N, C-alpha and C. Protein backbone atom coordinates (compact mmCIF):
# COMPACT_ATOMS: atom_id res chain seq x y z
N MET A 1 17.48 -118.30 -8.96
CA MET A 1 17.26 -117.53 -7.74
C MET A 1 15.99 -118.03 -7.08
N ARG A 2 16.07 -118.33 -5.80
CA ARG A 2 14.93 -118.85 -5.06
C ARG A 2 14.19 -117.72 -4.37
N GLU A 3 12.88 -117.70 -4.53
CA GLU A 3 12.07 -116.66 -3.90
C GLU A 3 11.59 -117.16 -2.55
N THR A 4 11.78 -116.36 -1.52
CA THR A 4 11.31 -116.73 -0.20
C THR A 4 9.99 -116.05 0.08
N ARG A 5 9.11 -116.78 0.71
CA ARG A 5 7.80 -116.24 1.04
C ARG A 5 7.91 -115.44 2.32
N ARG A 6 7.31 -114.29 2.31
CA ARG A 6 7.31 -113.44 3.50
C ARG A 6 5.92 -113.47 4.11
N THR A 7 5.87 -113.54 5.42
CA THR A 7 4.59 -113.50 6.11
C THR A 7 4.16 -112.05 6.24
N ILE A 8 2.94 -111.77 5.87
CA ILE A 8 2.38 -110.43 5.97
C ILE A 8 1.39 -110.42 7.12
N SER A 9 1.68 -109.61 8.13
CA SER A 9 0.81 -109.52 9.30
C SER A 9 -0.13 -108.33 9.16
N ILE A 10 -1.36 -108.53 9.57
CA ILE A 10 -2.36 -107.45 9.56
C ILE A 10 -2.86 -107.28 10.98
N ARG A 11 -2.81 -106.05 11.46
CA ARG A 11 -3.30 -105.75 12.80
C ARG A 11 -4.22 -104.53 12.74
N LYS A 12 -5.30 -104.60 13.49
CA LYS A 12 -6.27 -103.50 13.51
C LYS A 12 -5.96 -102.59 14.69
N LEU A 13 -5.84 -101.30 14.40
CA LEU A 13 -5.62 -100.33 15.47
C LEU A 13 -6.96 -100.01 16.13
N PRO A 14 -6.96 -99.79 17.44
CA PRO A 14 -8.21 -99.44 18.12
C PRO A 14 -8.64 -98.01 17.78
N MET A 15 -9.84 -97.67 18.22
CA MET A 15 -10.38 -96.34 17.95
C MET A 15 -9.52 -95.26 18.60
N GLN A 16 -8.99 -95.56 19.77
CA GLN A 16 -8.22 -94.57 20.51
C GLN A 16 -6.96 -95.22 21.05
N LEU A 17 -5.88 -94.49 21.06
CA LEU A 17 -4.62 -95.01 21.58
C LEU A 17 -4.20 -94.24 22.82
N ASP A 18 -4.84 -94.54 23.94
CA ASP A 18 -4.40 -93.93 25.19
C ASP A 18 -3.19 -94.73 25.69
N SER A 19 -2.60 -94.31 26.79
CA SER A 19 -1.35 -94.93 27.24
C SER A 19 -1.52 -96.42 27.55
N THR A 20 -2.66 -96.84 28.08
CA THR A 20 -2.90 -98.25 28.38
C THR A 20 -2.99 -99.07 27.11
N HIS A 21 -3.79 -98.60 26.15
CA HIS A 21 -3.94 -99.31 24.89
C HIS A 21 -2.62 -99.33 24.10
N GLN A 22 -1.87 -98.24 24.16
CA GLN A 22 -0.65 -98.13 23.38
C GLN A 22 0.38 -99.17 23.81
N LYS A 23 0.57 -99.34 25.10
CA LYS A 23 1.56 -100.31 25.58
C LYS A 23 1.17 -101.73 25.20
N ALA A 24 -0.09 -102.07 25.37
CA ALA A 24 -0.56 -103.42 25.04
C ALA A 24 -0.46 -103.66 23.53
N LEU A 25 -0.84 -102.68 22.75
CA LEU A 25 -0.78 -102.82 21.30
C LEU A 25 0.66 -102.95 20.82
N TYR A 26 1.56 -102.17 21.38
CA TYR A 26 2.95 -102.26 20.96
C TYR A 26 3.52 -103.64 21.28
N ARG A 27 3.18 -104.20 22.43
CA ARG A 27 3.65 -105.55 22.76
C ARG A 27 3.13 -106.56 21.74
N GLU A 28 1.88 -106.40 21.31
CA GLU A 28 1.32 -107.28 20.29
C GLU A 28 2.03 -107.09 18.95
N LEU A 29 2.30 -105.85 18.59
CA LEU A 29 2.96 -105.56 17.31
C LEU A 29 4.41 -106.02 17.29
N GLU A 30 5.05 -106.04 18.46
CA GLU A 30 6.44 -106.50 18.53
C GLU A 30 6.60 -107.91 17.99
N SER A 31 5.61 -108.76 18.23
CA SER A 31 5.70 -110.14 17.74
C SER A 31 5.68 -110.17 16.21
N CYS A 32 5.06 -109.19 15.59
CA CYS A 32 5.02 -109.12 14.12
C CYS A 32 6.28 -108.47 13.56
N ILE A 33 6.88 -107.58 14.34
CA ILE A 33 8.02 -106.80 13.88
C ILE A 33 9.36 -107.48 14.15
N ASN A 34 9.45 -108.25 15.22
CA ASN A 34 10.72 -108.86 15.62
C ASN A 34 10.99 -110.14 14.84
N VAL A 35 10.90 -110.05 13.53
CA VAL A 35 11.22 -111.15 12.63
C VAL A 35 12.09 -110.59 11.50
N ASP A 36 12.67 -111.46 10.71
CA ASP A 36 13.47 -111.01 9.57
C ASP A 36 12.54 -110.49 8.49
N ARG A 37 12.80 -109.29 8.00
CA ARG A 37 12.03 -108.63 6.93
C ARG A 37 10.53 -108.58 7.24
N PRO A 38 10.15 -107.94 8.34
CA PRO A 38 8.73 -107.91 8.70
C PRO A 38 7.89 -107.13 7.70
N CYS A 39 6.69 -107.62 7.46
CA CYS A 39 5.71 -106.96 6.59
C CYS A 39 4.46 -106.77 7.43
N LEU A 40 4.18 -105.54 7.81
CA LEU A 40 3.06 -105.27 8.70
C LEU A 40 2.11 -104.27 8.06
N VAL A 41 0.85 -104.65 8.01
CA VAL A 41 -0.21 -103.76 7.54
C VAL A 41 -1.04 -103.38 8.77
N LEU A 42 -1.16 -102.08 9.01
CA LEU A 42 -1.98 -101.60 10.11
C LEU A 42 -3.32 -101.12 9.56
N ASP A 43 -4.37 -101.79 9.98
CA ASP A 43 -5.73 -101.42 9.60
C ASP A 43 -6.15 -100.26 10.49
N CYS A 44 -6.28 -99.09 9.90
CA CYS A 44 -6.59 -97.87 10.65
C CYS A 44 -8.06 -97.48 10.52
N SER A 45 -8.91 -98.40 10.10
CA SER A 45 -10.31 -98.08 9.82
C SER A 45 -11.07 -97.62 11.07
N MET A 46 -10.66 -98.07 12.25
CA MET A 46 -11.34 -97.66 13.48
C MET A 46 -10.69 -96.45 14.14
N LEU A 47 -9.46 -96.14 13.78
CA LEU A 47 -8.71 -95.06 14.42
C LEU A 47 -9.40 -93.72 14.17
N ALA A 48 -9.86 -93.10 15.25
CA ALA A 48 -10.64 -91.86 15.13
C ALA A 48 -9.77 -90.63 15.02
N GLN A 49 -8.63 -90.64 15.69
CA GLN A 49 -7.75 -89.47 15.64
C GLN A 49 -6.30 -89.90 15.70
N LEU A 50 -5.47 -89.07 15.15
CA LEU A 50 -4.04 -89.34 15.12
C LEU A 50 -3.37 -88.27 15.98
N ASP A 51 -3.20 -88.59 17.26
CA ASP A 51 -2.55 -87.66 18.16
C ASP A 51 -1.07 -88.03 18.28
N ARG A 52 -0.35 -87.33 19.12
CA ARG A 52 1.08 -87.56 19.20
C ARG A 52 1.41 -88.95 19.72
N ARG A 53 0.57 -89.54 20.57
CA ARG A 53 0.80 -90.90 21.04
C ARG A 53 0.71 -91.89 19.88
N ALA A 54 -0.31 -91.73 19.06
CA ALA A 54 -0.50 -92.62 17.92
C ALA A 54 0.65 -92.45 16.92
N ILE A 55 1.04 -91.21 16.69
CA ILE A 55 2.16 -90.94 15.77
C ILE A 55 3.44 -91.59 16.29
N HIS A 56 3.68 -91.45 17.58
CA HIS A 56 4.87 -92.05 18.19
C HIS A 56 4.85 -93.57 18.02
N LEU A 57 3.71 -94.19 18.25
CA LEU A 57 3.58 -95.63 18.10
C LEU A 57 3.87 -96.05 16.66
N LEU A 58 3.29 -95.34 15.71
CA LEU A 58 3.51 -95.67 14.30
C LEU A 58 4.99 -95.55 13.93
N LEU A 59 5.62 -94.48 14.37
CA LEU A 59 7.03 -94.27 14.05
C LEU A 59 7.93 -95.32 14.71
N CYS A 60 7.61 -95.72 15.94
CA CYS A 60 8.38 -96.77 16.61
C CYS A 60 8.26 -98.09 15.86
N CYS A 61 7.06 -98.41 15.43
CA CYS A 61 6.84 -99.65 14.66
C CYS A 61 7.63 -99.61 13.36
N LEU A 62 7.55 -98.50 12.66
CA LEU A 62 8.26 -98.37 11.40
C LEU A 62 9.77 -98.47 11.60
N GLU A 63 10.28 -97.80 12.61
CA GLU A 63 11.72 -97.84 12.88
C GLU A 63 12.20 -99.26 13.15
N GLU A 64 11.47 -99.98 13.99
CA GLU A 64 11.87 -101.35 14.31
C GLU A 64 11.77 -102.27 13.09
N ALA A 65 10.74 -102.08 12.28
CA ALA A 65 10.59 -102.88 11.06
C ALA A 65 11.73 -102.59 10.09
N MET A 66 12.08 -101.33 9.93
CA MET A 66 13.14 -100.96 8.99
C MET A 66 14.51 -101.47 9.45
N LYS A 67 14.72 -101.57 10.75
CA LYS A 67 15.98 -102.13 11.27
C LYS A 67 16.15 -103.57 10.83
N ARG A 68 15.03 -104.22 10.54
CA ARG A 68 15.04 -105.63 10.15
C ARG A 68 14.72 -105.80 8.66
N ASN A 69 14.94 -104.73 7.88
CA ASN A 69 14.69 -104.74 6.43
C ASN A 69 13.23 -105.00 6.09
N GLY A 70 12.33 -104.48 6.89
CA GLY A 70 10.91 -104.64 6.64
C GLY A 70 10.22 -103.30 6.48
N ASP A 71 8.90 -103.33 6.52
CA ASP A 71 8.14 -102.10 6.35
C ASP A 71 6.79 -102.22 7.04
N VAL A 72 6.21 -101.06 7.32
CA VAL A 72 4.87 -100.95 7.88
C VAL A 72 4.05 -100.13 6.91
N ARG A 73 2.89 -100.63 6.54
CA ARG A 73 1.99 -99.92 5.62
C ARG A 73 0.69 -99.63 6.35
N LEU A 74 0.09 -98.51 6.03
CA LEU A 74 -1.17 -98.10 6.65
C LEU A 74 -2.31 -98.27 5.66
N ALA A 75 -3.46 -98.71 6.16
CA ALA A 75 -4.59 -98.95 5.28
C ALA A 75 -5.89 -98.45 5.92
N ALA A 76 -6.81 -98.04 5.06
CA ALA A 76 -8.18 -97.68 5.43
C ALA A 76 -8.25 -96.54 6.45
N LEU A 77 -7.53 -95.48 6.18
CA LEU A 77 -7.55 -94.32 7.08
C LEU A 77 -8.81 -93.49 6.86
N LYS A 78 -9.36 -92.98 7.95
CA LYS A 78 -10.48 -92.05 7.84
C LYS A 78 -9.93 -90.73 7.30
N PRO A 79 -10.77 -89.93 6.65
CA PRO A 79 -10.30 -88.67 6.06
C PRO A 79 -9.61 -87.74 7.08
N THR A 80 -10.11 -87.68 8.30
CA THR A 80 -9.48 -86.80 9.30
C THR A 80 -8.08 -87.29 9.66
N VAL A 81 -7.93 -88.61 9.77
CA VAL A 81 -6.62 -89.18 10.10
C VAL A 81 -5.67 -88.99 8.93
N ARG A 82 -6.17 -89.19 7.73
CA ARG A 82 -5.34 -89.00 6.53
C ARG A 82 -4.88 -87.55 6.43
N SER A 83 -5.74 -86.62 6.80
CA SER A 83 -5.40 -85.21 6.77
C SER A 83 -4.27 -84.89 7.75
N VAL A 84 -4.35 -85.43 8.95
CA VAL A 84 -3.30 -85.21 9.94
C VAL A 84 -1.99 -85.83 9.45
N LEU A 85 -2.08 -87.00 8.85
CA LEU A 85 -0.90 -87.66 8.31
C LEU A 85 -0.21 -86.76 7.28
N GLY A 86 -1.02 -86.13 6.44
CA GLY A 86 -0.47 -85.23 5.42
C GLY A 86 0.10 -83.96 6.02
N SER A 87 -0.59 -83.38 6.98
CA SER A 87 -0.13 -82.12 7.56
C SER A 87 1.14 -82.28 8.40
N THR A 88 1.38 -83.48 8.91
CA THR A 88 2.60 -83.73 9.69
C THR A 88 3.75 -84.22 8.82
N GLY A 89 3.47 -84.49 7.55
CA GLY A 89 4.50 -84.99 6.65
C GLY A 89 4.72 -86.49 6.73
N LEU A 90 3.93 -87.17 7.54
CA LEU A 90 4.09 -88.62 7.68
C LEU A 90 3.63 -89.38 6.45
N ASP A 91 2.87 -88.73 5.59
CA ASP A 91 2.44 -89.39 4.35
C ASP A 91 3.62 -89.59 3.41
N ARG A 92 4.75 -88.94 3.70
CA ARG A 92 5.97 -89.14 2.91
C ARG A 92 6.80 -90.29 3.46
N ILE A 93 6.52 -90.67 4.70
CA ILE A 93 7.28 -91.73 5.36
C ILE A 93 6.56 -93.07 5.24
N PHE A 94 5.25 -93.05 5.42
CA PHE A 94 4.46 -94.27 5.36
C PHE A 94 3.79 -94.41 4.00
N ARG A 95 3.70 -95.64 3.52
CA ARG A 95 2.89 -95.91 2.34
C ARG A 95 1.47 -96.13 2.82
N VAL A 96 0.53 -95.39 2.24
CA VAL A 96 -0.86 -95.41 2.68
C VAL A 96 -1.74 -95.96 1.56
N PHE A 97 -2.67 -96.84 1.93
CA PHE A 97 -3.54 -97.48 0.96
C PHE A 97 -5.00 -97.31 1.37
N ASP A 98 -5.87 -97.31 0.37
CA ASP A 98 -7.30 -97.13 0.63
C ASP A 98 -7.91 -98.32 1.35
N ASP A 99 -7.44 -99.51 1.05
CA ASP A 99 -7.97 -100.68 1.75
C ASP A 99 -6.87 -101.69 2.06
N ILE A 100 -7.21 -102.65 2.89
CA ILE A 100 -6.23 -103.61 3.39
C ILE A 100 -5.68 -104.48 2.27
N SER A 101 -6.53 -104.90 1.34
CA SER A 101 -6.06 -105.79 0.27
C SER A 101 -5.00 -105.11 -0.60
N GLU A 102 -5.15 -103.81 -0.85
CA GLU A 102 -4.14 -103.08 -1.62
C GLU A 102 -2.80 -103.05 -0.87
N ALA A 103 -2.89 -102.83 0.44
CA ALA A 103 -1.67 -102.79 1.25
C ALA A 103 -0.97 -104.14 1.26
N VAL A 104 -1.73 -105.21 1.40
CA VAL A 104 -1.16 -106.55 1.39
C VAL A 104 -0.54 -106.84 0.03
N ASP A 105 -1.25 -106.52 -1.05
CA ASP A 105 -0.74 -106.74 -2.39
C ASP A 105 0.55 -105.96 -2.66
N SER A 106 0.69 -104.81 -2.02
CA SER A 106 1.89 -103.99 -2.24
C SER A 106 3.15 -104.70 -1.74
N PHE A 107 3.02 -105.58 -0.77
CA PHE A 107 4.16 -106.37 -0.30
C PHE A 107 4.49 -107.49 -1.27
N ARG A 108 3.49 -107.95 -1.99
CA ARG A 108 3.69 -109.08 -2.91
C ARG A 108 4.22 -108.64 -4.27
N THR A 109 3.95 -107.41 -4.64
CA THR A 109 4.35 -106.90 -5.94
C THR A 109 5.66 -106.13 -5.81
N PRO A 110 6.68 -106.50 -6.57
CA PRO A 110 7.94 -105.75 -6.50
C PRO A 110 7.72 -104.30 -6.92
N GLN A 111 8.30 -103.40 -6.18
CA GLN A 111 8.15 -101.97 -6.46
C GLN A 111 9.39 -101.46 -7.18
N ILE A 112 9.16 -100.80 -8.30
CA ILE A 112 10.25 -100.19 -9.05
C ILE A 112 10.03 -98.69 -8.99
N SER A 113 11.03 -97.99 -8.55
CA SER A 113 10.93 -96.55 -8.41
C SER A 113 11.75 -95.87 -9.50
N VAL A 114 11.15 -94.92 -10.17
CA VAL A 114 11.84 -94.16 -11.21
C VAL A 114 11.72 -92.68 -10.86
N LEU A 115 12.86 -92.02 -10.78
CA LEU A 115 12.85 -90.60 -10.50
C LEU A 115 12.52 -89.81 -11.76
N THR A 116 11.60 -88.87 -11.62
CA THR A 116 11.36 -87.95 -12.72
C THR A 116 12.32 -86.79 -12.54
N ARG A 117 12.49 -85.98 -13.55
CA ARG A 117 13.39 -84.84 -13.47
C ARG A 117 12.98 -83.91 -12.32
N GLU A 118 11.68 -83.78 -12.05
CA GLU A 118 11.21 -82.89 -10.98
C GLU A 118 11.53 -83.44 -9.60
N GLN A 119 11.66 -84.78 -9.46
CA GLN A 119 11.89 -85.40 -8.16
C GLN A 119 13.37 -85.50 -7.80
N GLN A 120 14.24 -85.39 -8.78
CA GLN A 120 15.66 -85.58 -8.48
C GLN A 120 16.20 -84.40 -7.69
N GLU A 121 17.32 -84.64 -7.03
CA GLU A 121 17.95 -83.60 -6.23
C GLU A 121 18.43 -82.46 -7.12
N PRO A 122 18.34 -81.22 -6.63
CA PRO A 122 18.87 -80.10 -7.41
C PRO A 122 20.36 -80.28 -7.63
N GLY A 123 20.80 -79.98 -8.83
CA GLY A 123 22.22 -80.09 -9.14
C GLY A 123 22.64 -81.48 -9.56
N LEU A 124 21.73 -82.44 -9.47
CA LEU A 124 22.04 -83.80 -9.88
C LEU A 124 21.42 -84.04 -11.25
N ASP A 125 22.25 -84.25 -12.24
CA ASP A 125 21.76 -84.45 -13.60
C ASP A 125 22.01 -85.90 -13.98
N ILE A 126 20.93 -86.62 -14.25
CA ILE A 126 21.06 -88.03 -14.57
C ILE A 126 20.75 -88.32 -16.03
N SER A 127 20.80 -87.28 -16.85
CA SER A 127 20.46 -87.47 -18.25
C SER A 127 21.58 -88.20 -18.98
N CYS A 128 21.21 -88.86 -20.06
CA CYS A 128 22.18 -89.61 -20.87
C CYS A 128 23.20 -88.67 -21.50
N ALA A 129 22.76 -87.48 -21.89
CA ALA A 129 23.68 -86.53 -22.53
C ALA A 129 24.80 -86.16 -21.56
N SER A 130 24.49 -85.92 -20.31
CA SER A 130 25.52 -85.56 -19.34
C SER A 130 26.49 -86.70 -19.12
N GLN A 131 25.98 -87.93 -19.10
CA GLN A 131 26.85 -89.08 -18.93
C GLN A 131 27.78 -89.22 -20.12
N ARG A 132 27.26 -89.00 -21.31
CA ARG A 132 28.07 -89.09 -22.52
C ARG A 132 29.18 -88.03 -22.51
N GLN A 133 28.83 -86.80 -22.11
CA GLN A 133 29.82 -85.73 -22.05
C GLN A 133 30.91 -86.05 -21.03
N ALA A 134 30.53 -86.62 -19.90
CA ALA A 134 31.51 -86.96 -18.88
C ALA A 134 32.44 -88.05 -19.39
N GLN A 135 31.89 -89.02 -20.12
CA GLN A 135 32.72 -90.08 -20.66
C GLN A 135 33.68 -89.54 -21.72
N GLU A 136 33.19 -88.60 -22.56
CA GLU A 136 34.03 -88.04 -23.61
C GLU A 136 35.15 -87.21 -23.03
N SER A 137 34.87 -86.44 -21.97
CA SER A 137 35.91 -85.59 -21.38
C SER A 137 36.92 -86.43 -20.61
N ALA A 138 36.52 -87.59 -20.15
CA ALA A 138 37.44 -88.47 -19.42
C ALA A 138 38.36 -89.21 -20.39
N ALA A 139 37.94 -89.34 -21.63
CA ALA A 139 38.72 -90.11 -22.62
C ALA A 139 39.86 -89.33 -23.20
């Protein structure tokens, strides 16, 4: 199996995302997103606040990246911005890292996800015993 190298783009968000900055920034980010399997790290170290314009921009970037089997990761958020991210539930949608190097490394390291019993859907039993019982009753 041949491993293909993916380009990881890093872009710094400005301190404020008013309508003028947002349009220009989105045009710049489009060049990073409009590729096969885009990997984009947004450096949020200067971002002072996360208002609805900024949230909309982040979600648009993520949506376009996911359409192309890619992802957008956030790095270096200020505590106030991280708090807003948590209160809006966006911390469940975006992967957030303390610094840029961690975010970049996360694209290079394969991620394996394992559901714990607490995380699985209610009514869904993935235990070995249940699988064995189902196999025995089918036989």
